[in-house]
């Protein structure tokens, strides 16, 4: 398992977003993604929401570790194609949970 401990309490909504969307995305993707297992609430011991996800076996995909870099690129491309193909209807709008990604550039930073 892996524990995600955000360093800013203002990011509690990120944990909520991941817990909600990771299980919905997983069936549509050709590679494993983290599976939420548990969520903790802010407390005086740790002031932010935190989560536990299932550990994904593997190694960092550095070029010198790849037996077949072209196949690795194809696998990554298939993952990106599958992710793009997921219907985003009802997905999260720009906000603090994604650092306002998706806002038109003309809107500036928040």
PDB file of N, CA and C in Angstrom:
ATOM      1  N   UNK A   1       0.847  -1.184   0.000  1.00  0.00           N
ATOM      2  CA  UNK A   1       0.000   0.000   0.000  1.00  0.00           C
ATOM      3  C   UNK A   1       0.885   1.237   0.000  1.00  0.00           C
ATOM      4  N   UNK A   2       0.307   2.335  -0.455  1.00  0.00           N
ATOM      5  CA  UNK A   2       0.976   3.629  -0.433  1.00  0.00           C
ATOM      6  C   UNK A   2       0.056   4.620   0.271  1.00  0.00           C
ATOM      7  N   UNK A   3       0.636   5.503   1.036  1.00  0.00           N
ATOM      8  CA  UNK A   3      -0.121   6.515   1.763  1.00  0.00           C
ATOM      9  C   UNK A   3       0.151   7.867   1.117  1.00  0.00           C
ATOM     10  N   UNK A   4      -0.918   8.586   0.842  1.00  0.00           N
ATOM     11  CA  UNK A   4      -0.791   9.937   0.276  1.00  0.00           C
ATOM     12  C   UNK A   4      -1.106  10.929   1.375  1.00  0.00           C
ATOM     13  N   UNK A   5      -0.099  11.731   1.723  1.00  0.00           N
ATOM     14  CA  UNK A   5      -0.233  12.724   2.777  1.00  0.00           C
ATOM     15  C   UNK A   5       0.022  14.111   2.187  1.00  0.00           C
ATOM     16  N   UNK A   6      -1.020  14.788   1.708  1.00  0.00           N
ATOM     17  CA  UNK A   6      -0.818  16.124   1.142  1.00  0.00           C
ATOM     18  C   UNK A   6      -0.219  17.065   2.181  1.00  0.00           C
ATOM     19  N   UNK A   7       0.673  17.917   1.729  1.00  0.00           N
ATOM     20  CA  UNK A   7       1.327  18.817   2.677  1.00  0.00           C
ATOM     21  C   UNK A   7       0.533  20.077   2.957  1.00  0.00           C
ATOM     22  N   UNK A   8      -0.578  20.293   2.242  1.00  0.00           N
ATOM     23  CA  UNK A   8      -1.421  21.468   2.481  1.00  0.00           C
ATOM     24  C   UNK A   8      -2.856  21.033   2.763  1.00  0.00           C
ATOM     25  N   UNK A   9      -3.402  21.403   3.915  1.00  0.00           N
ATOM     26  CA  UNK A   9      -4.803  21.048   4.203  1.00  0.00           C
ATOM     27  C   UNK A   9      -5.779  21.577   3.173  1.00  0.00           C
ATOM     28  N   UNK A  10      -5.440  22.657   2.466  1.00  0.00           N
ATOM     29  CA  UNK A  10      -6.354  23.216   1.461  1.00  0.00           C
ATOM     30  C   UNK A  10      -6.577  22.249   0.315  1.00  0.00           C
ATOM     31  N   UNK A  11      -5.826  21.181   0.243  1.00  0.00           N
ATOM     32  CA  UNK A  11      -5.929  20.228  -0.856  1.00  0.00           C
ATOM     33  C   UNK A  11      -6.752  18.988  -0.481  1.00  0.00           C
ATOM     34  N   UNK A  12      -7.544  19.060   0.564  1.00  0.00           N
ATOM     35  CA  UNK A  12      -8.384  17.928   0.941  1.00  0.00           C
ATOM     36  C   UNK A  12      -9.288  17.496  -0.204  1.00  0.00           C
ATOM     37  N   UNK A  13      -9.695  18.450  -1.043  1.00  0.00           N
ATOM     38  CA  UNK A  13     -10.577  18.112  -2.147  1.00  0.00           C
ATOM     39  C   UNK A  13      -9.883  17.254  -3.202  1.00  0.00           C
ATOM     40  N   UNK A  14      -8.556  17.269  -3.250  1.00  0.00           N
ATOM     41  CA  UNK A  14      -7.840  16.390  -4.176  1.00  0.00           C
ATOM     42  C   UNK A  14      -8.039  14.930  -3.789  1.00  0.00           C
ATOM     43  N   UNK A  15      -7.961  14.627  -2.506  1.00  0.00           N
ATOM     44  CA  UNK A  15      -8.150  13.256  -2.029  1.00  0.00           C
ATOM     45  C   UNK A  15      -9.563  12.791  -2.370  1.00  0.00           C
ATOM     46  N   UNK A  16     -10.537  13.638  -2.130  1.00  0.00           N
ATOM     47  CA  UNK A  16     -11.931  13.296  -2.443  1.00  0.00           C
ATOM     48  C   UNK A  16     -12.099  13.025  -3.938  1.00  0.00           C
ATOM     49  N   UNK A  17     -11.509  13.880  -4.782  1.00  0.00           N
ATOM     50  CA  UNK A  17     -11.605  13.714  -6.234  1.00  0.00           C
ATOM     51  C   UNK A  17     -10.975  12.384  -6.658  1.00  0.00           C
ATOM     52  N   UNK A  18      -9.778  12.084  -6.159  1.00  0.00           N
ATOM     53  CA  UNK A  18      -9.118  10.829  -6.538  1.00  0.00           C
ATOM     54  C   UNK A  18      -9.916   9.613  -6.075  1.00  0.00           C
ATOM     55  N   UNK A  19     -10.406   9.645  -4.854  1.00  0.00           N
ATOM     56  CA  UNK A  19     -11.201   8.519  -4.345  1.00  0.00           C
ATOM     57  C   UNK A  19     -12.446   8.293  -5.187  1.00  0.00           C
ATOM     58  N   UNK A  20     -13.007   9.352  -5.707  1.00  0.00           N
ATOM     59  CA  UNK A  20     -14.221   9.251  -6.522  1.00  0.00           C
ATOM     60  C   UNK A  20     -13.920   8.766  -7.936  1.00  0.00           C
ATOM     61  N   UNK A  21     -12.898   9.332  -8.575  1.00  0.00           N
ATOM     62  CA  UNK A  21     -12.682   9.094  -9.998  1.00  0.00           C
ATOM     63  C   UNK A  21     -11.776   7.924 -10.337  1.00  0.00           C
ATOM     64  N   UNK A  22     -10.800   7.598  -9.506  1.00  0.00           N
ATOM     65  CA  UNK A  22      -9.916   6.479  -9.857  1.00  0.00           C
ATOM     66  C   UNK A  22     -10.686   5.173 -10.099  1.00  0.00           C
ATOM     67  N   UNK A  23     -11.621   4.787  -9.237  1.00  0.00           N
ATOM     68  CA  UNK A  23     -12.369   3.549  -9.502  1.00  0.00           C
ATOM     69  C   UNK A  23     -13.227   3.619 -10.766  1.00  0.00           C
ATOM     70  N   UNK A  24     -13.666   4.800 -11.145  1.00  0.00           N
ATOM     71  CA  UNK A  24     -14.480   4.944 -12.358  1.00  0.00           C
ATOM     72  C   UNK A  24     -13.631   4.885 -13.625  1.00  0.00           C
ATOM     73  N   UNK A  25     -12.388   5.349 -13.543  1.00  0.00           N
ATOM     74  CA  UNK A  25     -11.495   5.312 -14.696  1.00  0.00           C
ATOM     75  C   UNK A  25     -10.873   3.932 -14.909  1.00  0.00           C
ATOM     76  N   UNK A  26     -10.567   3.239 -13.839  1.00  0.00           N
ATOM     77  CA  UNK A  26      -9.807   1.980 -13.907  1.00  0.00           C
ATOM     78  C   UNK A  26     -10.342   0.966 -14.922  1.00  0.00           C
ATOM     79  N   UNK A  27     -11.647   0.706 -14.995  1.00  0.00           N
ATOM     80  CA  UNK A  27     -12.125  -0.314 -15.935  1.00  0.00           C
ATOM     81  C   UNK A  27     -11.905   0.039 -17.408  1.00  0.00           C
ATOM     82  N   UNK A  28     -11.661   1.301 -17.692  1.00  0.00           N
ATOM     83  CA  UNK A  28     -11.520   1.751 -19.076  1.00  0.00           C
ATOM     84  C   UNK A  28     -10.066   1.828 -19.534  1.00  0.00           C
ATOM     85  N   UNK A  29      -9.133   1.560 -18.631  1.00  0.00           N
ATOM     86  CA  UNK A  29      -7.723   1.769 -18.937  1.00  0.00           C
ATOM     87  C   UNK A  29      -6.970   0.453 -19.065  1.00  0.00           C
ATOM     88  N   UNK A  30      -5.990   0.391 -19.983  1.00  0.00           N
ATOM     89  CA  UNK A  30      -5.260  -0.856 -20.221  1.00  0.00           C
ATOM     90  C   UNK A  30      -4.135  -1.125 -19.217  1.00  0.00           C
ATOM     91  N   UNK A  31      -3.856  -0.188 -18.337  1.00  0.00           N
ATOM     92  CA  UNK A  31      -2.844  -0.368 -17.290  1.00  0.00           C
ATOM     93  C   UNK A  31      -3.477  -0.116 -15.931  1.00  0.00           C
ATOM     94  N   UNK A  32      -2.896  -0.692 -14.912  1.00  0.00           N
ATOM     95  CA  UNK A  32      -3.396  -0.484 -13.554  1.00  0.00           C
ATOM     96  C   UNK A  32      -3.146   0.953 -13.110  1.00  0.00           C
ATOM     97  N   UNK A  33      -4.081   1.470 -12.344  1.00  0.00           N
ATOM     98  CA  UNK A  33      -3.919   2.769 -11.695  1.00  0.00           C
ATOM     99  C   UNK A  33      -4.198   2.552 -10.212  1.00  0.00           C
ATOM    100  N   UNK A  34      -3.792   3.483  -9.350  1.00  0.00           N
ATOM    101  CA  UNK A  34      -4.009   3.281  -7.920  1.00  0.00           C
ATOM    102  C   UNK A  34      -5.474   3.031  -7.577  1.00  0.00           C
ATOM    103  N   UNK A  35      -5.677   2.110  -6.671  1.00  0.00           N
ATOM    104  CA  UNK A  35      -7.028   1.786  -6.182  1.00  0.00           C
ATOM    105  C   UNK A  35      -7.165   2.317  -4.760  1.00  0.00           C
ATOM    106  N   UNK A  36      -8.086   3.260  -4.533  1.00  0.00           N
ATOM    107  CA  UNK A  36      -8.271   3.774  -3.179  1.00  0.00           C
ATOM    108  C   UNK A  36      -8.726   2.667  -2.229  1.00  0.00           C
ATOM    109  N   UNK A  37      -8.095   2.618  -1.061  1.00  0.00           N
ATOM    110  CA  UNK A  37      -8.444   1.616  -0.055  1.00  0.00           C
ATOM    111  C   UNK A  37      -9.041   2.243   1.198  1.00  0.00           C
ATOM    112  N   UNK A  38      -8.548   3.431   1.565  1.00  0.00           N
ATOM    113  CA  UNK A  38      -9.028   4.075   2.788  1.00  0.00           C
ATOM    114  C   UNK A  38      -8.727   5.568   2.707  1.00  0.00           C
ATOM    115  N   UNK A  39      -9.490   6.320   3.489  1.00  0.00           N
ATOM    116  CA  UNK A  39      -9.281   7.764   3.565  1.00  0.00           C
ATOM    117  C   UNK A  39      -9.315   8.180   5.025  1.00  0.00           C
ATOM    118  N   UNK A  40      -8.400   9.079   5.380  1.00  0.00           N
ATOM    119  CA  UNK A  40      -8.360   9.602   6.743  1.00  0.00           C
ATOM    120  C   UNK A  40      -8.761  11.056   6.757  1.00  0.00           C
ATOM    121  N   UNK A  41      -9.351  11.468   7.843  1.00  0.00           N
ATOM    122  CA  UNK A  41      -9.816  12.843   8.003  1.00  0.00           C
ATOM    123  C   UNK A  41      -8.756  13.680   8.716  1.00  0.00           C
ATOM    124  N   UNK A  42      -8.794  14.987   8.519  1.00  0.00           N
ATOM    125  CA  UNK A  42      -7.873  15.853   9.249  1.00  0.00           C
ATOM    126  C   UNK A  42      -8.038  15.676  10.758  1.00  0.00           C
ATOM    127  N   UNK A  43      -6.937  15.824  11.456  1.00  0.00           N
ATOM    128  CA  UNK A  43      -6.961  15.729  12.917  1.00  0.00           C
ATOM    129  C   UNK A  43      -5.862  16.625  13.467  1.00  0.00           C
ATOM    130  N   UNK A  44      -5.713  16.665  14.771  1.00  0.00           N
ATOM    131  CA  UNK A  44      -4.630  17.486  15.326  1.00  0.00           C
ATOM    132  C   UNK A  44      -3.267  16.843  15.065  1.00  0.00           C
ATOM    133  N   UNK A  45      -3.236  15.524  14.832  1.00  0.00           N
ATOM    134  CA  UNK A  45      -1.971  14.855  14.510  1.00  0.00           C
ATOM    135  C   UNK A  45      -1.524  15.136  13.078  1.00  0.00           C
ATOM    136  N   UNK A  46      -2.490  15.221  12.142  1.00  0.00           N
ATOM    137  CA  UNK A  46      -2.191  15.548  10.742  1.00  0.00           C
ATOM    138  C   UNK A  46      -3.346  16.392  10.218  1.00  0.00           C
ATOM    139  N   UNK A  47      -3.069  17.632   9.813  1.00  0.00           N
ATOM    140  CA  UNK A  47      -4.146  18.588   9.543  1.00  0.00           C
ATOM    141  C   UNK A  47      -4.799  18.510   8.161  1.00  0.00           C
ATOM    142  N   UNK A  48      -4.591  17.427   7.426  1.00  0.00           N
ATOM    143  CA  UNK A  48      -5.176  17.327   6.086  1.00  0.00           C
ATOM    144  C   UNK A  48      -5.809  15.952   5.906  1.00  0.00           C
ATOM    145  N   UNK A  49      -6.733  15.859   4.951  1.00  0.00           N
ATOM    146  CA  UNK A  49      -7.259  14.542   4.565  1.00  0.00           C
ATOM    147  C   UNK A  49      -6.111  13.761   3.932  1.00  0.00           C
ATOM    148  N   UNK A  50      -6.116  12.452   4.091  1.00  0.00           N
ATOM    149  CA  UNK A  50      -5.068  11.603   3.517  1.00  0.00           C
ATOM    150  C   UNK A  50      -5.716  10.337   3.018  1.00  0.00           C
ATOM    151  N   UNK A  51      -4.972   9.587   2.201  1.00  0.00           N
ATOM    152  CA  UNK A  51      -5.561   8.362   1.662  1.00  0.00           C
ATOM    153  C   UNK A  51      -4.520   7.256   1.570  1.00  0.00           C
ATOM    154  N   UNK A  52      -5.043   6.044   1.486  1.00  0.00           N
ATOM    155  CA  UNK A  52      -4.222   4.854   1.266  1.00  0.00           C
ATOM    156  C   UNK A  52      -4.707   4.231  -0.039  1.00  0.00           C
ATOM    157  N   UNK A  53      -3.752   3.907  -0.922  1.00  0.00           N
ATOM    158  CA  UNK A  53      -4.071   3.271  -2.197  1.00  0.00           C
ATOM    159  C   UNK A  53      -3.267   1.984  -2.314  1.00  0.00           C
ATOM    160  N   UNK A  54      -3.753   1.087  -3.168  1.00  0.00           N
ATOM    161  CA  UNK A  54      -3.028  -0.153  -3.423  1.00  0.00           C
ATOM    162  C   UNK A  54      -1.726   0.162  -4.153  1.00  0.00           C
ATOM    163  N   UNK A  55      -0.649  -0.456  -3.715  1.00  0.00           N
ATOM    164  CA  UNK A  55       0.670  -0.276  -4.308  1.00  0.00           C
ATOM    165  C   UNK A  55       0.713  -0.914  -5.688  1.00  0.00           C
ATOM    166  N   UNK A  56       1.310  -0.223  -6.649  1.00  0.00           N
ATOM    167  CA  UNK A  56       1.489  -0.760  -7.986  1.00  0.00           C
ATOM    168  C   UNK A  56       2.935  -1.210  -8.141  1.00  0.00           C
ATOM    169  N   UNK A  57       3.123  -2.492  -8.379  1.00  0.00           N
ATOM    170  CA  UNK A  57       4.470  -3.024  -8.562  1.00  0.00           C
ATOM    171  C   UNK A  57       5.095  -2.434  -9.818  1.00  0.00           C
ATOM    172  N   UNK A  58       6.383  -2.276  -9.806  1.00  0.00           N
ATOM    173  CA  UNK A  58       7.087  -1.793 -10.982  1.00  0.00           C
ATOM    174  C   UNK A  58       8.275  -0.949 -10.612  1.00  0.00           C
ATOM    175  N   UNK A  59       8.915  -0.439 -11.626  1.00  0.00           N
ATOM    176  CA  UNK A  59      10.084   0.406 -11.459  1.00  0.00           C
ATOM    177  C   UNK A  59       9.886   1.686 -12.247  1.00  0.00           C
ATOM    178  N   UNK A  60      10.648   2.682 -11.905  1.00  0.00           N
ATOM    179  CA  UNK A  60      10.650   3.922 -12.656  1.00  0.00           C
ATOM    180  C   UNK A  60      11.043   3.620 -14.101  1.00  0.00           C
ATOM    181  N   UNK A  61      10.332   4.172 -15.045  1.00  0.00           N
ATOM    182  CA  UNK A  61      10.545   3.858 -16.463  1.00  0.00           C
ATOM    183  C   UNK A  61      11.658   4.721 -17.055  1.00  0.00           C
ATOM    184  N   UNK A  62      12.857   4.559 -16.555  1.00  0.00           N
ATOM    185  CA  UNK A  62      14.007   5.271 -17.132  1.00  0.00           C
ATOM    186  C   UNK A  62      14.480   4.511 -18.361  1.00  0.00           C
ATOM    187  N   UNK A  63      14.984   5.231 -19.346  1.00  0.00           N
ATOM    188  CA  UNK A  63      15.372   4.649 -20.627  1.00  0.00           C
ATOM    189  C   UNK A  63      16.304   3.461 -20.456  1.00  0.00           C
ATOM    190  N   UNK A  64      17.291   3.568 -19.586  1.00  0.00           N
ATOM    191  CA  UNK A  64      18.243   2.464 -19.417  1.00  0.00           C
ATOM    192  C   UNK A  64      17.609   1.219 -18.789  1.00  0.00           C
ATOM    193  N   UNK A  65      16.440   1.346 -18.187  1.00  0.00           N
ATOM    194  CA  UNK A  65      15.745   0.191 -17.600  1.00  0.00           C
ATOM    195  C   UNK A  65      14.793  -0.489 -18.581  1.00  0.00           C
ATOM    196  N   UNK A  66      14.464   0.178 -19.671  1.00  0.00           N
ATOM    197  CA  UNK A  66      13.479  -0.356 -20.600  1.00  0.00           C
ATOM    198  C   UNK A  66      14.123  -1.369 -21.542  1.00  0.00           C
ATOM    199  N   UNK A  67      13.624  -2.595 -21.515  1.00  0.00           N
ATOM    200  CA  UNK A  67      14.125  -3.622 -22.430  1.00  0.00           C
ATOM    201  C   UNK A  67      13.758  -3.281 -23.866  1.00  0.00           C
ATOM    202  N   UNK A  68      12.564  -2.684 -24.048  1.00  0.00           N
ATOM    203  CA  UNK A  68      12.106  -2.341 -25.390  1.00  0.00           C
ATOM    204  C   UNK A  68      11.425  -0.972 -25.324  1.00  0.00           C
ATOM    205  N   UNK A  69      12.190   0.109 -25.500  1.00  0.00           N
ATOM    206  CA  UNK A  69      11.614   1.454 -25.384  1.00  0.00           C
ATOM    207  C   UNK A  69      10.467   1.714 -26.362  1.00  0.00           C
ATOM    208  N   UNK A  70      10.521   1.127 -27.539  1.00  0.00           N
ATOM    209  CA  UNK A  70       9.449   1.348 -28.513  1.00  0.00           C
ATOM    210  C   UNK A  70       8.155   0.711 -28.023  1.00  0.00           C
ATOM    211  N   UNK A  71       8.243  -0.476 -27.474  1.00  0.00           N
ATOM    212  CA  UNK A  71       7.050  -1.126 -26.931  1.00  0.00           C
ATOM    213  C   UNK A  71       6.520  -0.350 -25.723  1.00  0.00           C
ATOM    214  N   UNK A  72       7.425   0.177 -24.906  1.00  0.00           N
ATOM    215  CA  UNK A  72       7.005   1.003 -23.767  1.00  0.00           C
ATOM    216  C   UNK A  72       6.259   2.241 -24.254  1.00  0.00           C
ATOM    217  N   UNK A  73       6.751   2.861 -25.323  1.00  0.00           N
ATOM    218  CA  UNK A  73       6.076   4.036 -25.888  1.00  0.00           C
ATOM    219  C   UNK A  73       4.695   3.661 -26.424  1.00  0.00           C
ATOM    220  N   UNK A  74       4.589   2.508 -27.054  1.00  0.00           N
ATOM    221  CA  UNK A  74       3.280   2.057 -27.566  1.00  0.00           C
ATOM    222  C   UNK A  74       2.305   1.801 -26.421  1.00  0.00           C
ATOM    223  N   UNK A  75       2.803   1.204 -25.354  1.00  0.00           N
ATOM    224  CA  UNK A  75       1.959   0.937 -24.181  1.00  0.00           C
ATOM    225  C   UNK A  75       1.470   2.246 -23.572  1.00  0.00           C
ATOM    226  N   UNK A  76       2.359   3.207 -23.454  1.00  0.00           N
ATOM    227  CA  UNK A  76       1.974   4.518 -22.923  1.00  0.00           C
ATOM    228  C   UNK A  76       0.967   5.201 -23.846  1.00  0.00           C
ATOM    229  N   UNK A  77       1.195   5.119 -25.154  1.00  0.00           N
ATOM    230  CA  UNK A  77       0.258   5.722 -26.115  1.00  0.00           C
ATOM    231  C   UNK A  77      -1.120   5.080 -26.004  1.00  0.00           C
ATOM    232  N   UNK A  78      -1.171   3.768 -25.839  1.00  0.00           N
ATOM    233  CA  UNK A  78      -2.463   3.079 -25.693  1.00  0.00           C
ATOM    234  C   UNK A  78      -3.182   3.547 -24.431  1.00  0.00           C
ATOM    235  N   UNK A  79      -2.423   3.768 -23.360  1.00  0.00           N
ATOM    236  CA  UNK A  79      -3.011   4.262 -22.119  1.00  0.00           C
ATOM    237  C   UNK A  79      -3.586   5.661 -22.325  1.00  0.00           C
ATOM    238  N   UNK A  80      -2.812   6.533 -22.971  1.00  0.00           N
ATOM    239  CA  UNK A  80      -3.282   7.905 -23.209  1.00  0.00           C
ATOM    240  C   UNK A  80      -4.505   7.900 -24.121  1.00  0.00           C
ATOM    241  N   UNK A  81      -4.497   7.074 -25.162  1.00  0.00           N
ATOM    242  CA  UNK A  81      -5.672   6.981 -26.051  1.00  0.00           C
ATOM    243  C   UNK A  81      -6.900   6.531 -25.270  1.00  0.00           C
ATOM    244  N   UNK A  82      -6.736   5.532 -24.406  1.00  0.00           N
ATOM    245  CA  UNK A  82      -7.866   5.034 -23.609  1.00  0.00           C
ATOM    246  C   UNK A  82      -8.360   6.109 -22.644  1.00  0.00           C
ATOM    247  N   UNK A  83      -7.447   6.837 -22.043  1.00  0.00           N
ATOM    248  CA  UNK A  83      -7.832   7.896 -21.111  1.00  0.00           C
ATOM    249  C   UNK A  83      -8.597   9.001 -21.830  1.00  0.00           C
ATOM    250  N   UNK A  84      -8.134   9.384 -23.003  1.00  0.00           N
ATOM    251  CA  UNK A  84      -8.815  10.410 -23.788  1.00  0.00           C
ATOM    252  C   UNK A  84     -10.210   9.943 -24.207  1.00  0.00           C
ATOM    253  N   UNK A  85     -10.361   8.654 -24.446  1.00  0.00           N
ATOM    254  CA  UNK A  85     -11.633   8.108 -24.921  1.00  0.00           C
ATOM    255  C   UNK A  85     -12.692   8.019 -23.822  1.00  0.00           C
ATOM    256  N   UNK A  86     -12.304   8.118 -22.563  1.00  0.00           N
ATOM    257  CA  UNK A  86     -13.277   8.042 -21.462  1.00  0.00           C
ATOM    258  C   UNK A  86     -14.193   9.258 -21.539  1.00  0.00           C
ATOM    259  N   UNK A  87     -15.487   9.014 -21.442  1.00  0.00           N
ATOM    260  CA  UNK A  87     -16.472  10.095 -21.447  1.00  0.00           C
ATOM    261  C   UNK A  87     -16.283  10.946 -20.195  1.00  0.00           C
ATOM    262  N   UNK A  88     -15.938  12.201 -20.375  1.00  0.00           N
ATOM    263  CA  UNK A  88     -15.662  13.095 -19.247  1.00  0.00           C
ATOM    264  C   UNK A  88     -16.909  13.816 -18.739  1.00  0.00           C
ATOM    265  N   UNK A  89     -18.072  13.464 -19.269  1.00  0.00           N
ATOM    266  CA  UNK A  89     -19.308  14.086 -18.810  1.00  0.00           C
ATOM    267  C   UNK A  89     -19.447  13.900 -17.303  1.00  0.00           C
ATOM    268  N   UNK A  90     -19.705  14.976 -16.611  1.00  0.00           N
ATOM    269  CA  UNK A  90     -19.856  14.911 -15.165  1.00  0.00           C
ATOM    270  C   UNK A  90     -18.535  14.959 -14.423  1.00  0.00           C
ATOM    271  N   UNK A  91     -17.444  15.100 -15.163  1.00  0.00           N
ATOM    272  CA  UNK A  91     -16.123  15.186 -14.536  1.00  0.00           C
ATOM    273  C   UNK A  91     -15.964  16.479 -13.767  1.00  0.00           C
ATOM    274  N   UNK A  92     -14.921  16.542 -12.960  1.00  0.00           N
ATOM    275  CA  UNK A  92     -14.732  17.738 -12.138  1.00  0.00           C
ATOM    276  C   UNK A  92     -14.392  18.961 -12.980  1.00  0.00           C
ATOM    277  N   UNK A  93     -15.005  20.064 -12.640  1.00  0.00           N
ATOM    278  CA  UNK A  93     -14.695  21.346 -13.276  1.00  0.00           C
ATOM    279  C   UNK A  93     -13.393  21.880 -12.679  1.00  0.00           C
ATOM    280  N   UNK A  94     -12.790  22.882 -13.297  1.00  0.00           N
ATOM    281  CA  UNK A  94     -11.586  23.464 -12.713  1.00  0.00           C
ATOM    282  C   UNK A  94     -11.849  23.954 -11.287  1.00  0.00           C
ATOM    283  N   UNK A  95     -10.874  23.748 -10.419  1.00  0.00           N
ATOM    284  CA  UNK A  95     -11.003  24.180  -9.039  1.00  0.00           C
ATOM    285  C   UNK A  95      -9.721  23.914  -8.278  1.00  0.00           C
ATOM    286  N   UNK A  96      -9.777  24.064  -6.967  1.00  0.00           N
ATOM    287  CA  UNK A  96      -8.576  23.857  -6.158  1.00  0.00           C
ATOM    288  C   UNK A  96      -8.076  22.425  -6.243  1.00  0.00           C
ATOM    289  N   UNK A  97      -8.976  21.465  -6.474  1.00  0.00           N
ATOM    290  CA  UNK A  97      -8.598  20.055  -6.528  1.00  0.00           C
ATOM    291  C   UNK A  97      -7.673  19.748  -7.699  1.00  0.00           C
ATOM    292  N   UNK A  98      -7.648  20.598  -8.723  1.00  0.00           N
ATOM    293  CA  UNK A  98      -6.763  20.366  -9.877  1.00  0.00           C
ATOM    294  C   UNK A  98      -5.969  21.621 -10.221  1.00  0.00           C
ATOM    295  N   UNK A  99      -5.783  22.483  -9.223  1.00  0.00           N
ATOM    296  CA  UNK A  99      -5.003  23.705  -9.397  1.00  0.00           C
ATOM    297  C   UNK A  99      -5.528  24.556 -10.551  1.00  0.00           C
ATOM    298  N   UNK A 100      -6.844  24.541 -10.734  1.00  0.00           N
ATOM    299  CA  UNK A 100      -7.549  25.336 -11.738  1.00  0.00           C
ATOM    300  C   UNK A 100      -7.173  24.945 -13.164  1.00  0.00           C
ATOM    301  N   UNK A 101      -6.698  23.707 -13.378  1.00  0.00           N
ATOM    302  CA  UNK A 101      -6.438  23.252 -14.748  1.00  0.00           C
ATOM    303  C   UNK A 101      -7.762  23.177 -15.490  1.00  0.00           C
ATOM    304  N   UNK A 102      -7.742  23.575 -16.750  1.00  0.00           N
ATOM    305  CA  UNK A 102      -8.943  23.566 -17.555  1.00  0.00           C
ATOM    306  C   UNK A 102      -9.591  24.922 -17.690  1.00  0.00           C
ATOM    307  N   UNK A 103      -9.081  25.909 -16.944  1.00  0.00           N
ATOM    308  CA  UNK A 103      -9.591  27.256 -17.063  1.00  0.00           C
ATOM    309  C   UNK A 103      -8.936  27.899 -18.289  1.00  0.00           C
ATOM    310  N   UNK A 104      -9.680  28.614 -19.110  1.00  0.00           N
ATOM    311  CA  UNK A 104      -9.054  29.288 -20.259  1.00  0.00           C
ATOM    312  C   UNK A 104      -7.889  30.166 -19.786  1.00  0.00           C
ATOM    313  N   UNK A 105      -6.821  30.211 -20.564  1.00  0.00           N
ATOM    314  CA  UNK A 105      -5.648  31.003 -20.187  1.00  0.00           C
ATOM    315  C   UNK A 105      -6.005  32.457 -19.951  1.00  0.00           C
ATOM    316  N   UNK A 106      -6.987  32.983 -20.689  1.00  0.00           N
ATOM    317  CA  UNK A 106      -7.392  34.375 -20.529  1.00  0.00           C
ATOM    318  C   UNK A 106      -7.943  34.655 -19.139  1.00  0.00           C
ATOM    319  N   UNK A 107      -8.376  33.624 -18.422  1.00  0.00           N
ATOM    320  CA  UNK A 107      -8.922  33.806 -17.081  1.00  0.00           C
ATOM    321  C   UNK A 107      -7.838  34.118 -16.067  1.00  0.00           C
ATOM    322  N   UNK A 108      -6.578  33.850 -16.427  1.00  0.00           N
ATOM    323  CA  UNK A 108      -5.472  34.138 -15.514  1.00  0.00           C
ATOM    324  C   UNK A 108      -5.387  33.119 -14.395  1.00  0.00           C
ATOM    325  N   UNK A 109      -4.536  33.377 -13.441  1.00  0.00           N
ATOM    326  CA  UNK A 109      -4.347  32.464 -12.311  1.00  0.00           C
ATOM    327  C   UNK A 109      -5.231  32.876 -11.153  1.00  0.00           C
ATOM    328  N   UNK A 110      -5.479  31.961 -10.300  1.00  0.00           N
ATOM    329  CA  UNK A 110      -6.314  32.216  -9.127  1.00  0.00           C
ATOM    330  C   UNK A 110      -5.450  32.261  -7.889  1.00  0.00           C
TER     331      UNK A 110
END
